[in-house]
N, C-alpha and C. Protein backbone atom coordinates (compact mmCIF):
# COMPACT_ATOMS: atom_id res chain seq x y z
N MET A 1 12.90 12.19 -22.41
CA MET A 1 12.19 12.61 -21.09
C MET A 1 12.83 12.19 -19.80
N THR A 2 13.08 13.02 -18.92
CA THR A 2 13.84 12.71 -17.68
C THR A 2 13.05 13.08 -16.51
N SER A 3 13.16 12.46 -15.35
CA SER A 3 12.47 12.81 -14.15
C SER A 3 13.35 12.77 -13.05
N SER A 4 13.11 13.56 -12.09
CA SER A 4 14.07 13.56 -10.72
C SER A 4 13.48 12.60 -9.75
N ASN A 5 14.53 12.05 -9.12
CA ASN A 5 14.19 10.99 -8.05
C ASN A 5 14.15 11.56 -6.68
N SER A 6 14.33 12.86 -6.63
CA SER A 6 14.63 13.56 -5.40
C SER A 6 13.48 13.36 -4.40
N HIS A 7 12.33 13.20 -4.93
CA HIS A 7 11.08 13.07 -4.02
C HIS A 7 10.65 11.54 -3.87
N GLN A 8 11.34 10.74 -4.34
CA GLN A 8 11.02 9.36 -4.22
C GLN A 8 11.12 8.98 -2.72
N GLY A 9 10.20 8.10 -2.31
CA GLY A 9 10.13 7.76 -0.89
C GLY A 9 9.71 8.63 0.18
N MET A 10 9.18 10.01 -0.40
CA MET A 10 8.63 11.02 0.50
C MET A 10 7.23 10.57 0.71
N PRO A 11 6.67 10.75 1.92
CA PRO A 11 5.29 10.43 2.17
C PRO A 11 4.40 11.29 1.60
N PHE A 12 3.26 10.71 1.03
CA PHE A 12 2.21 11.48 0.29
C PHE A 12 1.32 12.29 1.29
N ASN A 13 1.16 13.60 1.06
CA ASN A 13 0.42 14.36 2.00
C ASN A 13 -1.13 14.33 1.67
N THR A 14 -1.74 13.35 2.12
CA THR A 14 -3.10 13.12 1.72
C THR A 14 -3.99 14.27 2.11
N ALA A 15 -3.74 14.83 3.36
CA ALA A 15 -4.59 16.00 3.82
C ALA A 15 -4.55 17.24 2.75
N ALA A 16 -3.38 17.31 2.28
CA ALA A 16 -3.06 18.46 1.17
C ALA A 16 -3.90 18.11 -0.02
N ALA A 17 -3.75 16.90 -0.48
CA ALA A 17 -4.40 16.43 -1.59
C ALA A 17 -5.92 16.65 -1.57
N ASP A 18 -6.59 16.31 -0.44
CA ASP A 18 -8.01 16.37 -0.20
C ASP A 18 -8.30 17.91 -0.24
N VAL A 19 -7.59 18.69 0.24
CA VAL A 19 -7.89 20.17 0.23
C VAL A 19 -7.73 20.66 -1.02
N ARG A 20 -6.83 20.37 -1.81
CA ARG A 20 -6.57 20.93 -3.24
C ARG A 20 -7.68 20.33 -4.04
N SER A 21 -8.29 19.04 -3.80
CA SER A 21 -9.41 18.63 -4.64
C SER A 21 -10.62 19.50 -4.17
N SER A 22 -10.81 19.97 -3.08
CA SER A 22 -11.99 20.66 -2.60
C SER A 22 -11.86 22.07 -3.12
N ILE A 23 -10.64 22.60 -3.26
CA ILE A 23 -10.56 23.94 -3.88
C ILE A 23 -10.92 23.93 -5.26
N MET A 24 -10.42 22.83 -5.86
CA MET A 24 -10.69 22.73 -7.44
C MET A 24 -12.26 22.74 -7.59
N SER A 25 -12.84 22.06 -6.82
CA SER A 25 -14.24 21.83 -6.94
C SER A 25 -15.13 23.05 -6.64
N VAL A 26 -14.82 23.79 -5.67
CA VAL A 26 -15.39 25.04 -5.16
C VAL A 26 -15.22 26.11 -6.37
N LEU A 27 -14.06 26.34 -6.73
CA LEU A 27 -13.69 27.22 -7.76
C LEU A 27 -14.38 27.03 -9.06
N ALA A 28 -14.41 25.66 -9.54
CA ALA A 28 -15.02 25.23 -10.65
C ALA A 28 -16.72 25.54 -10.47
N SER A 29 -17.26 25.41 -9.42
CA SER A 29 -18.69 25.53 -9.17
C SER A 29 -18.97 27.03 -9.30
N TRP A 30 -18.26 27.90 -8.77
CA TRP A 30 -18.44 29.37 -8.91
C TRP A 30 -18.10 29.77 -10.20
N ALA A 31 -17.20 29.27 -10.95
CA ALA A 31 -16.79 29.71 -12.24
C ALA A 31 -18.09 29.25 -13.31
N GLY A 32 -18.61 28.14 -12.89
CA GLY A 32 -19.70 27.74 -13.74
C GLY A 32 -20.97 28.62 -13.56
N LEU A 33 -21.18 29.04 -12.32
CA LEU A 33 -22.21 29.84 -12.03
C LEU A 33 -22.08 31.23 -12.76
N ILE A 34 -20.95 31.71 -12.78
CA ILE A 34 -20.65 33.01 -13.42
C ILE A 34 -20.78 32.86 -14.86
N ALA A 35 -20.38 31.77 -15.37
CA ALA A 35 -20.47 31.56 -17.01
C ALA A 35 -21.80 31.52 -17.38
N GLU A 36 -22.75 30.74 -16.54
CA GLU A 36 -23.97 30.44 -16.86
C GLU A 36 -24.95 31.70 -16.79
N GLU A 37 -24.67 32.51 -15.68
CA GLU A 37 -25.60 33.70 -15.48
C GLU A 37 -25.09 34.84 -16.27
N ARG A 38 -23.77 34.99 -16.83
CA ARG A 38 -23.42 36.02 -17.38
C ARG A 38 -23.21 35.66 -18.90
N GLY A 39 -23.42 34.49 -19.33
CA GLY A 39 -23.50 34.08 -20.64
C GLY A 39 -21.95 34.16 -21.29
N VAL A 40 -20.94 33.89 -20.50
CA VAL A 40 -19.55 33.84 -20.92
C VAL A 40 -19.00 32.45 -20.95
N ALA A 41 -17.87 32.30 -21.46
CA ALA A 41 -17.26 30.90 -21.52
C ALA A 41 -16.65 30.70 -20.21
N ALA A 42 -16.62 29.57 -19.61
CA ALA A 42 -15.92 29.24 -18.41
C ALA A 42 -14.47 28.88 -18.80
N PRO A 43 -13.59 29.04 -17.79
CA PRO A 43 -12.09 28.73 -18.09
C PRO A 43 -11.93 27.12 -17.91
N GLN A 44 -10.82 26.71 -18.35
CA GLN A 44 -10.55 25.32 -18.09
C GLN A 44 -10.41 24.97 -16.63
N ARG A 45 -10.73 23.63 -16.23
CA ARG A 45 -10.71 23.19 -14.94
C ARG A 45 -9.22 23.22 -14.55
N GLN A 46 -8.62 24.26 -14.06
CA GLN A 46 -7.29 24.41 -13.59
C GLN A 46 -7.33 25.60 -12.64
N VAL A 47 -6.68 25.30 -11.25
CA VAL A 47 -6.80 26.34 -10.28
C VAL A 47 -6.51 27.60 -10.65
N VAL A 48 -5.33 27.89 -11.22
CA VAL A 48 -4.84 29.27 -11.42
C VAL A 48 -5.90 29.85 -12.44
N GLY A 49 -6.23 29.24 -13.46
CA GLY A 49 -7.28 29.95 -14.39
C GLY A 49 -8.52 30.21 -13.80
N LEU A 50 -9.02 29.19 -12.96
CA LEU A 50 -10.41 29.47 -12.25
C LEU A 50 -10.31 30.53 -11.19
N ALA A 51 -9.13 30.68 -10.55
CA ALA A 51 -9.01 31.73 -9.55
C ALA A 51 -8.88 33.06 -10.29
N ARG A 52 -8.30 33.17 -11.41
CA ARG A 52 -8.00 34.38 -12.11
C ARG A 52 -9.45 34.79 -12.57
N PHE A 53 -10.20 33.79 -13.16
CA PHE A 53 -11.69 34.13 -13.63
C PHE A 53 -12.48 34.72 -12.50
N LEU A 54 -12.48 34.06 -11.38
CA LEU A 54 -13.29 34.57 -10.33
C LEU A 54 -12.75 36.04 -9.94
N HIS A 55 -11.42 36.18 -9.89
CA HIS A 55 -10.95 37.54 -9.43
C HIS A 55 -11.43 38.64 -10.43
N GLU A 56 -11.47 38.29 -11.81
CA GLU A 56 -11.92 39.20 -12.86
C GLU A 56 -13.37 39.52 -12.65
N ASN A 57 -14.15 38.71 -11.97
CA ASN A 57 -15.58 38.93 -11.82
C ASN A 57 -15.85 39.28 -10.53
N ILE A 58 -14.92 39.69 -9.65
CA ILE A 58 -15.25 40.11 -8.23
C ILE A 58 -16.41 41.20 -8.21
N PRO A 59 -16.40 42.27 -9.03
CA PRO A 59 -17.36 43.39 -8.96
C PRO A 59 -18.83 42.74 -9.14
N TRP A 60 -18.96 41.77 -10.06
CA TRP A 60 -20.21 41.12 -10.33
C TRP A 60 -20.60 40.23 -9.06
N LEU A 61 -19.66 39.46 -8.54
CA LEU A 61 -19.92 38.61 -7.53
C LEU A 61 -20.22 39.32 -6.18
N SER A 62 -19.61 40.51 -5.94
CA SER A 62 -19.90 41.03 -4.91
C SER A 62 -21.30 41.59 -4.54
N VAL A 63 -22.15 41.66 -5.57
CA VAL A 63 -23.50 42.06 -5.43
C VAL A 63 -24.39 41.02 -5.76
N HIS A 64 -23.80 39.78 -5.88
CA HIS A 64 -24.65 38.64 -6.16
C HIS A 64 -25.27 38.19 -4.85
N SER A 65 -26.51 37.48 -4.90
CA SER A 65 -27.22 37.08 -3.69
C SER A 65 -26.56 35.99 -2.83
N ALA A 66 -25.62 35.25 -3.55
CA ALA A 66 -24.85 34.12 -2.89
C ALA A 66 -23.41 34.55 -2.57
N ALA A 67 -23.15 35.91 -2.61
CA ALA A 67 -21.85 36.37 -2.28
C ALA A 67 -21.41 35.84 -0.83
N HIS A 68 -22.22 35.86 0.09
CA HIS A 68 -21.97 35.52 1.37
C HIS A 68 -21.46 34.01 1.48
N ASP A 69 -22.15 33.31 0.75
CA ASP A 69 -21.77 31.77 0.69
C ASP A 69 -20.39 31.66 0.01
N LEU A 70 -20.06 32.31 -0.90
CA LEU A 70 -18.69 32.25 -1.55
C LEU A 70 -17.60 32.65 -0.64
N ILE A 71 -17.79 33.65 0.15
CA ILE A 71 -16.94 34.22 1.11
C ILE A 71 -16.68 33.16 2.21
N GLU A 72 -17.76 32.50 2.69
CA GLU A 72 -17.61 31.36 3.75
C GLU A 72 -16.76 30.34 3.11
N GLU A 73 -17.16 29.79 1.99
CA GLU A 73 -16.46 28.65 1.39
C GLU A 73 -14.96 29.07 1.17
N LEU A 74 -14.67 30.23 0.69
CA LEU A 74 -13.22 30.56 0.51
C LEU A 74 -12.43 30.68 1.70
N THR A 75 -13.10 31.16 2.78
CA THR A 75 -12.51 31.30 4.07
C THR A 75 -12.23 29.91 4.68
N THR A 76 -13.13 29.04 4.56
CA THR A 76 -12.97 27.72 5.10
C THR A 76 -11.87 27.02 4.35
N LEU A 77 -11.80 27.00 3.02
CA LEU A 77 -10.77 26.46 2.21
C LEU A 77 -9.35 27.07 2.54
N THR A 78 -9.33 28.44 2.75
CA THR A 78 -8.06 29.07 3.13
C THR A 78 -7.49 28.51 4.34
N ARG A 79 -8.32 28.18 5.28
CA ARG A 79 -7.83 27.79 6.67
C ARG A 79 -7.40 26.39 6.54
N LEU A 80 -8.11 25.40 5.84
CA LEU A 80 -7.78 24.05 5.74
C LEU A 80 -6.44 23.92 4.83
N ALA A 81 -6.23 24.78 3.85
CA ALA A 81 -5.03 24.71 2.99
C ALA A 81 -3.82 25.21 3.93
N ARG A 82 -3.91 26.17 4.69
CA ARG A 82 -2.87 26.63 5.54
C ARG A 82 -2.50 25.45 6.55
N ARG A 83 -3.49 24.73 7.02
CA ARG A 83 -3.26 23.80 8.03
C ARG A 83 -2.56 22.54 7.34
N ALA A 84 -3.12 22.05 6.24
CA ALA A 84 -2.66 21.00 5.48
C ALA A 84 -1.03 21.24 5.03
N SER A 85 -0.85 22.52 4.77
CA SER A 85 0.56 22.85 4.07
C SER A 85 1.55 23.19 5.16
N ASP A 86 1.14 23.30 6.43
CA ASP A 86 2.05 23.58 7.48
C ASP A 86 2.83 22.38 8.00
N SER A 87 4.20 22.38 7.68
CA SER A 87 4.99 21.04 7.92
C SER A 87 5.26 20.88 9.46
N ARG A 88 4.86 22.05 10.20
CA ARG A 88 5.13 21.95 11.55
C ARG A 88 3.91 21.30 12.34
N SER A 89 2.72 21.35 11.68
CA SER A 89 1.48 20.78 12.29
C SER A 89 1.07 19.51 11.70
N VAL A 90 1.52 19.09 10.52
CA VAL A 90 1.07 17.84 9.93
C VAL A 90 2.14 16.92 9.40
N ARG A 91 2.15 15.78 9.80
CA ARG A 91 3.14 14.77 9.24
C ARG A 91 2.28 13.53 8.57
N VAL A 92 2.82 13.11 7.48
CA VAL A 92 2.15 11.93 6.80
C VAL A 92 3.28 10.83 6.75
N ILE A 93 3.10 9.76 7.60
CA ILE A 93 4.10 8.79 7.85
C ILE A 93 3.70 7.46 7.26
N PRO A 94 4.48 6.80 6.45
CA PRO A 94 4.20 5.47 5.91
C PRO A 94 4.09 4.53 7.05
N VAL A 95 3.03 3.62 7.10
CA VAL A 95 2.85 2.55 7.98
C VAL A 95 3.10 1.27 7.51
N GLY A 96 2.55 0.91 6.24
CA GLY A 96 2.71 -0.47 5.70
C GLY A 96 1.64 -0.72 4.73
N THR A 97 1.50 -2.03 4.43
CA THR A 97 0.55 -2.44 3.46
C THR A 97 -0.87 -2.45 4.11
N CYS A 98 -1.94 -2.19 3.31
CA CYS A 98 -3.33 -2.17 3.77
C CYS A 98 -3.74 -3.68 4.19
N VAL A 99 -4.50 -3.72 5.24
CA VAL A 99 -4.77 -5.11 5.72
C VAL A 99 -6.13 -5.46 5.17
N ARG A 100 -6.80 -4.79 4.40
CA ARG A 100 -8.02 -5.14 3.81
C ARG A 100 -7.80 -6.25 2.65
N ALA A 101 -8.66 -7.25 2.73
CA ALA A 101 -8.40 -8.29 1.73
C ALA A 101 -8.43 -7.93 0.19
N GLY A 102 -7.48 -8.34 -0.53
CA GLY A 102 -7.38 -7.88 -1.84
C GLY A 102 -6.95 -6.52 -2.21
N CYS A 103 -6.59 -5.61 -1.18
CA CYS A 103 -6.10 -4.29 -1.40
C CYS A 103 -4.70 -4.33 -1.55
N THR A 104 -4.12 -3.58 -2.40
CA THR A 104 -2.71 -3.53 -2.68
C THR A 104 -2.23 -2.10 -2.23
N GLY A 105 -2.96 -1.26 -1.56
CA GLY A 105 -2.65 -0.03 -1.15
C GLY A 105 -1.66 0.01 -0.06
N ARG A 106 -1.08 1.27 0.19
CA ARG A 106 -0.20 1.48 1.37
C ARG A 106 -0.79 2.39 2.35
N LEU A 107 -0.62 2.12 3.65
CA LEU A 107 -1.23 2.86 4.68
C LEU A 107 -0.32 3.92 5.13
N HIS A 108 -0.91 5.10 5.46
CA HIS A 108 -0.16 6.28 5.99
C HIS A 108 -0.86 6.87 7.20
N ALA A 109 -0.07 7.22 8.09
CA ALA A 109 -0.63 7.89 9.50
C ALA A 109 -0.55 9.28 9.27
N VAL A 110 -1.74 10.07 9.40
CA VAL A 110 -1.69 11.46 9.15
C VAL A 110 -1.72 11.90 10.82
N VAL A 111 -0.35 12.61 10.94
CA VAL A 111 -0.01 12.87 12.39
C VAL A 111 -0.11 14.43 12.48
N LYS A 112 -0.98 14.91 13.47
CA LYS A 112 -1.14 16.27 13.75
C LYS A 112 -0.43 16.68 15.07
N VAL A 113 0.42 17.65 14.86
CA VAL A 113 1.25 17.96 16.04
C VAL A 113 0.70 19.38 16.76
N VAL A 114 0.49 19.21 17.95
CA VAL A 114 -0.02 20.38 18.73
C VAL A 114 1.12 20.90 19.39
N PRO A 115 1.59 22.10 19.39
CA PRO A 115 2.63 22.73 20.04
C PRO A 115 2.43 22.26 21.69
N GLY A 116 3.45 21.77 22.34
CA GLY A 116 3.55 21.53 23.66
C GLY A 116 3.03 20.09 24.07
N THR A 117 2.43 19.37 23.14
CA THR A 117 2.02 18.13 23.36
C THR A 117 2.65 16.99 22.36
N GLN A 118 2.60 15.76 22.80
CA GLN A 118 3.13 14.67 21.93
C GLN A 118 2.36 14.31 20.67
N ALA A 119 3.11 14.25 19.57
CA ALA A 119 2.45 14.01 18.23
C ALA A 119 1.71 12.67 18.33
N LYS A 120 0.40 12.65 17.73
CA LYS A 120 -0.42 11.61 17.62
C LYS A 120 -1.01 11.31 16.31
N PRO A 121 -1.19 10.20 15.97
CA PRO A 121 -1.88 10.02 14.56
C PRO A 121 -3.40 10.38 14.67
N SER A 122 -3.98 11.13 13.87
CA SER A 122 -5.48 11.47 13.91
C SER A 122 -6.23 10.34 13.19
N GLU A 123 -5.58 9.93 12.08
CA GLU A 123 -6.13 8.84 11.40
C GLU A 123 -5.18 8.14 10.50
N ILE A 124 -5.53 6.92 10.09
CA ILE A 124 -4.73 6.02 9.13
C ILE A 124 -5.41 5.92 7.95
N ARG A 125 -4.82 6.14 6.79
CA ARG A 125 -5.54 6.07 5.53
C ARG A 125 -4.83 5.22 4.52
N CYS A 126 -5.58 4.56 3.56
CA CYS A 126 -5.05 3.81 2.46
C CYS A 126 -4.95 4.61 1.23
N SER A 127 -3.80 4.36 0.59
CA SER A 127 -3.52 5.20 -0.70
C SER A 127 -4.44 4.78 -1.75
N ALA A 128 -4.99 3.54 -1.78
CA ALA A 128 -5.61 2.88 -2.81
C ALA A 128 -7.27 3.14 -2.83
N ASP A 129 -7.73 3.13 -1.55
CA ASP A 129 -9.23 3.17 -1.34
C ASP A 129 -9.49 4.11 -0.14
N ARG A 130 -10.25 5.15 -0.52
CA ARG A 130 -10.51 6.17 0.57
C ARG A 130 -11.45 5.57 1.77
N ALA A 131 -12.11 4.50 1.34
CA ALA A 131 -12.99 3.85 2.39
C ALA A 131 -12.30 3.06 3.49
N HIS A 132 -10.89 2.86 3.21
CA HIS A 132 -10.07 2.15 4.06
C HIS A 132 -9.44 3.15 4.91
N TRP A 133 -9.87 3.43 6.07
CA TRP A 133 -9.15 4.32 7.15
C TRP A 133 -9.58 3.87 8.42
N TRP A 134 -8.74 4.39 9.44
CA TRP A 134 -8.95 3.89 10.81
C TRP A 134 -8.55 5.11 11.61
N ALA A 135 -9.47 5.29 12.61
CA ALA A 135 -9.33 6.47 13.61
C ALA A 135 -8.14 6.10 14.52
N CYS A 136 -7.62 7.17 15.17
CA CYS A 136 -6.55 6.79 16.04
C CYS A 136 -6.83 5.91 17.17
N SER A 137 -8.06 5.87 17.58
CA SER A 137 -8.55 5.02 18.59
C SER A 137 -8.29 3.56 18.07
N GLU A 138 -8.38 3.24 16.78
CA GLU A 138 -8.30 1.95 16.36
C GLU A 138 -6.85 1.46 16.02
N TRP A 139 -5.89 2.35 16.28
CA TRP A 139 -4.48 1.99 15.93
C TRP A 139 -4.06 0.82 16.57
N ALA A 140 -4.16 0.47 17.84
CA ALA A 140 -3.65 -0.71 18.46
C ALA A 140 -4.21 -2.06 17.83
N ALA A 141 -5.44 -1.96 17.48
CA ALA A 141 -5.98 -3.22 16.84
C ALA A 141 -5.52 -3.46 15.35
N LEU A 142 -5.35 -2.27 14.68
CA LEU A 142 -4.81 -2.23 13.21
C LEU A 142 -3.38 -2.71 13.29
N SER A 143 -2.47 -2.28 14.34
CA SER A 143 -1.17 -2.73 14.44
C SER A 143 -1.00 -4.18 14.60
N THR A 144 -1.95 -4.68 15.62
CA THR A 144 -1.90 -6.16 15.80
C THR A 144 -2.14 -6.94 14.44
N ARG A 145 -3.19 -6.43 13.88
CA ARG A 145 -3.56 -7.10 12.47
C ARG A 145 -2.44 -7.05 11.58
N MET A 146 -1.88 -5.94 11.47
CA MET A 146 -0.60 -5.92 10.51
C MET A 146 0.47 -6.72 10.80
N GLN A 147 0.75 -6.85 12.19
CA GLN A 147 1.84 -7.82 12.61
C GLN A 147 1.50 -9.30 12.38
N THR A 148 0.19 -9.51 12.44
CA THR A 148 -0.15 -10.92 12.23
C THR A 148 -0.07 -11.19 10.69
N LEU A 149 -0.46 -10.35 9.89
CA LEU A 149 -0.44 -10.57 8.50
C LEU A 149 1.17 -10.71 7.93
N ARG A 150 1.97 -9.83 8.65
CA ARG A 150 3.35 -9.95 8.35
C ARG A 150 3.98 -11.40 8.70
N ASP A 151 3.53 -11.75 9.97
CA ASP A 151 4.01 -13.03 10.32
C ASP A 151 3.48 -14.26 9.42
N HIS A 152 2.21 -14.17 9.05
CA HIS A 152 1.67 -15.16 8.31
C HIS A 152 2.14 -15.12 6.76
N ARG A 153 2.88 -14.13 6.37
CA ARG A 153 3.31 -14.09 5.12
C ARG A 153 4.76 -14.85 5.12
N ARG A 154 5.23 -15.15 6.23
CA ARG A 154 6.59 -15.89 6.31
C ARG A 154 6.46 -17.21 5.74
N THR A 155 7.66 -17.67 5.37
CA THR A 155 7.70 -19.10 4.77
C THR A 155 7.94 -20.20 5.87
N TRP A 156 8.74 -19.83 6.91
CA TRP A 156 9.05 -20.82 8.06
C TRP A 156 8.73 -20.16 9.36
N TYR A 157 8.40 -21.15 10.34
CA TYR A 157 8.03 -20.72 11.84
C TYR A 157 8.86 -21.54 12.66
N SER A 158 9.35 -20.85 13.66
CA SER A 158 10.03 -21.66 14.72
C SER A 158 9.02 -22.27 15.58
N VAL A 159 9.39 -23.12 16.48
CA VAL A 159 8.45 -23.61 17.53
C VAL A 159 7.90 -22.47 18.48
N ALA A 160 8.69 -21.53 18.77
CA ALA A 160 8.37 -20.38 19.59
C ALA A 160 7.32 -19.61 18.90
N ASP A 161 7.51 -19.30 17.55
CA ASP A 161 6.55 -18.51 16.71
C ASP A 161 5.24 -19.28 16.82
N ILE A 162 5.26 -20.55 16.67
CA ILE A 162 3.95 -21.24 16.59
C ILE A 162 3.29 -21.37 18.02
N GLU A 163 4.12 -21.33 18.97
CA GLU A 163 3.24 -21.29 20.32
C GLU A 163 2.65 -19.91 20.47
N VAL A 164 3.25 -18.80 20.06
CA VAL A 164 2.70 -17.50 20.18
C VAL A 164 1.49 -17.28 19.27
N LEU A 165 1.69 -17.56 18.00
CA LEU A 165 0.68 -17.25 16.96
C LEU A 165 -0.52 -18.16 17.14
N TRP A 166 -0.30 -19.48 17.30
CA TRP A 166 -1.50 -20.31 17.31
C TRP A 166 -1.76 -20.92 18.70
N LYS A 167 -0.97 -20.42 19.76
CA LYS A 167 -1.24 -20.65 21.18
C LYS A 167 -1.38 -22.37 21.40
N ILE A 168 -0.29 -22.80 20.88
CA ILE A 168 -0.29 -24.32 21.08
C ILE A 168 1.08 -24.64 21.83
N PRO A 169 0.94 -25.57 22.84
CA PRO A 169 2.11 -25.89 23.77
C PRO A 169 3.16 -26.61 22.72
N SER A 170 4.43 -26.42 23.15
CA SER A 170 5.57 -27.00 22.23
C SER A 170 5.41 -28.44 22.06
N GLY A 171 4.96 -29.13 23.25
CA GLY A 171 4.79 -30.57 23.09
C GLY A 171 3.91 -31.12 22.03
N SER A 172 2.74 -30.32 21.96
CA SER A 172 1.70 -30.55 20.92
C SER A 172 2.29 -30.20 19.51
N ILE A 173 2.93 -29.25 19.54
CA ILE A 173 3.62 -28.95 18.18
C ILE A 173 4.38 -30.07 17.50
N TYR A 174 5.21 -30.62 18.29
CA TYR A 174 6.08 -31.77 17.76
C TYR A 174 5.17 -32.93 17.50
N ARG A 175 4.09 -33.11 18.19
CA ARG A 175 3.17 -34.16 17.76
C ARG A 175 2.41 -33.91 16.54
N LEU A 176 1.92 -32.61 16.42
CA LEU A 176 1.22 -32.30 15.05
C LEU A 176 2.16 -32.51 13.94
N ALA A 177 3.35 -31.90 14.19
CA ALA A 177 4.44 -31.89 13.13
C ALA A 177 4.57 -33.50 12.62
N SER A 178 4.66 -34.34 13.44
CA SER A 178 4.90 -35.67 13.00
C SER A 178 3.58 -36.33 12.50
N GLN A 179 2.30 -35.83 13.02
CA GLN A 179 1.03 -36.45 12.58
C GLN A 179 0.90 -35.94 11.10
N TYR A 180 1.13 -34.65 10.97
CA TYR A 180 0.75 -34.12 9.55
C TYR A 180 1.98 -34.12 8.68
N GLN A 181 3.08 -34.56 9.07
CA GLN A 181 4.27 -34.57 8.26
C GLN A 181 4.67 -33.13 7.79
N TRP A 182 4.74 -32.21 8.67
CA TRP A 182 5.15 -30.93 8.35
C TRP A 182 6.72 -30.83 7.82
N ARG A 183 6.85 -30.09 6.74
CA ARG A 183 8.23 -29.93 6.27
C ARG A 183 8.99 -29.18 7.38
N ARG A 184 10.25 -29.55 7.52
CA ARG A 184 11.10 -28.93 8.63
C ARG A 184 12.44 -28.70 8.17
N ARG A 185 13.12 -27.83 8.79
CA ARG A 185 14.41 -27.56 8.62
C ARG A 185 15.09 -27.07 9.82
N LYS A 186 16.53 -27.19 9.88
CA LYS A 186 17.12 -26.65 11.14
C LYS A 186 18.09 -25.58 10.76
N VAL A 187 18.10 -24.51 11.53
CA VAL A 187 18.92 -23.39 11.34
C VAL A 187 19.71 -23.12 12.73
N SER A 188 20.82 -23.31 12.80
CA SER A 188 21.60 -23.05 14.05
C SER A 188 21.10 -23.75 15.18
N GLY A 189 20.64 -25.02 14.91
CA GLY A 189 20.10 -25.88 16.15
C GLY A 189 18.48 -25.60 16.25
N ARG A 190 17.96 -24.56 15.68
CA ARG A 190 16.66 -24.39 15.80
C ARG A 190 15.74 -25.13 14.77
N VAL A 191 14.54 -25.60 15.22
CA VAL A 191 13.69 -26.38 14.11
C VAL A 191 12.74 -25.32 13.61
N PHE A 192 12.58 -25.31 12.34
CA PHE A 192 11.61 -24.46 11.65
C PHE A 192 10.59 -25.43 10.92
N TYR A 193 9.27 -25.08 10.91
CA TYR A 193 8.37 -25.66 10.03
C TYR A 193 7.87 -24.87 9.03
N HIS A 194 7.36 -25.39 7.88
CA HIS A 194 6.78 -24.63 6.72
C HIS A 194 5.49 -24.07 6.90
N ALA A 195 5.47 -22.78 6.52
CA ALA A 195 4.08 -22.12 6.80
C ALA A 195 2.96 -22.81 6.01
N GLU A 196 3.19 -23.19 4.74
CA GLU A 196 2.10 -23.68 4.00
C GLU A 196 1.53 -24.86 4.82
N ASP A 197 2.30 -25.81 5.34
CA ASP A 197 1.83 -26.92 6.06
C ASP A 197 1.09 -26.65 7.30
N LEU A 198 1.66 -25.47 7.99
CA LEU A 198 0.99 -25.01 9.32
C LEU A 198 -0.45 -24.46 8.96
N HIS A 199 -0.57 -23.73 8.00
CA HIS A 199 -1.77 -23.04 7.66
C HIS A 199 -2.73 -24.12 7.11
N SER A 200 -2.35 -25.07 6.41
CA SER A 200 -3.13 -26.12 5.91
C SER A 200 -3.82 -27.00 7.11
N ALA A 201 -2.91 -27.19 8.04
CA ALA A 201 -3.35 -27.99 9.37
C ALA A 201 -4.11 -27.19 10.41
N LEU A 202 -3.59 -26.01 10.67
CA LEU A 202 -4.09 -25.11 11.55
C LEU A 202 -5.02 -23.97 11.26
N GLY A 203 -4.93 -23.53 10.04
CA GLY A 203 -5.66 -22.43 9.58
C GLY A 203 -4.91 -21.24 9.88
N SER A 204 -5.41 -20.11 9.40
CA SER A 204 -4.77 -18.85 9.61
C SER A 204 -5.09 -18.01 10.86
């Protein structure tokens, strides 16, 4: 069995996946209604088969009391599907690792492009948990949180790094390093201290 790598690294279109799930749910619901009221077997839960089944039952559906609801649902899904599949109006851009504790998901910004305006992320979503998402107004705070986590995952920190991240004057840094016996190393004349010792003494 072989597989193509041509799509590896491509961003996942979460908006399209959501619409596809909604289409499947709506088609299956109406197919179930037809099967129950007409006493026939419902097709397998697969988009093409469900759509064909509904198409074959259009004459019966057209005089059903809920026909108007079906038309409204299908019209809405058609509009959402076109919007999600339009590569000119939607971009899904990888952002980084989810910042929620214990989550291994990846974050993606769903960017909507309005002609004549600058592209902006409408929301940021996690690939592992649908409850992990941020509105575009929360992007600045999320970006800061992601940068902090990236910094804190490092092994060594320079004096300048410690000043910024922990807001400690350089003079105090050297004093604390001596007091707590932080592990140190020199690279090109610059002193670096071990992250584990820093977190132990100063916290995260």
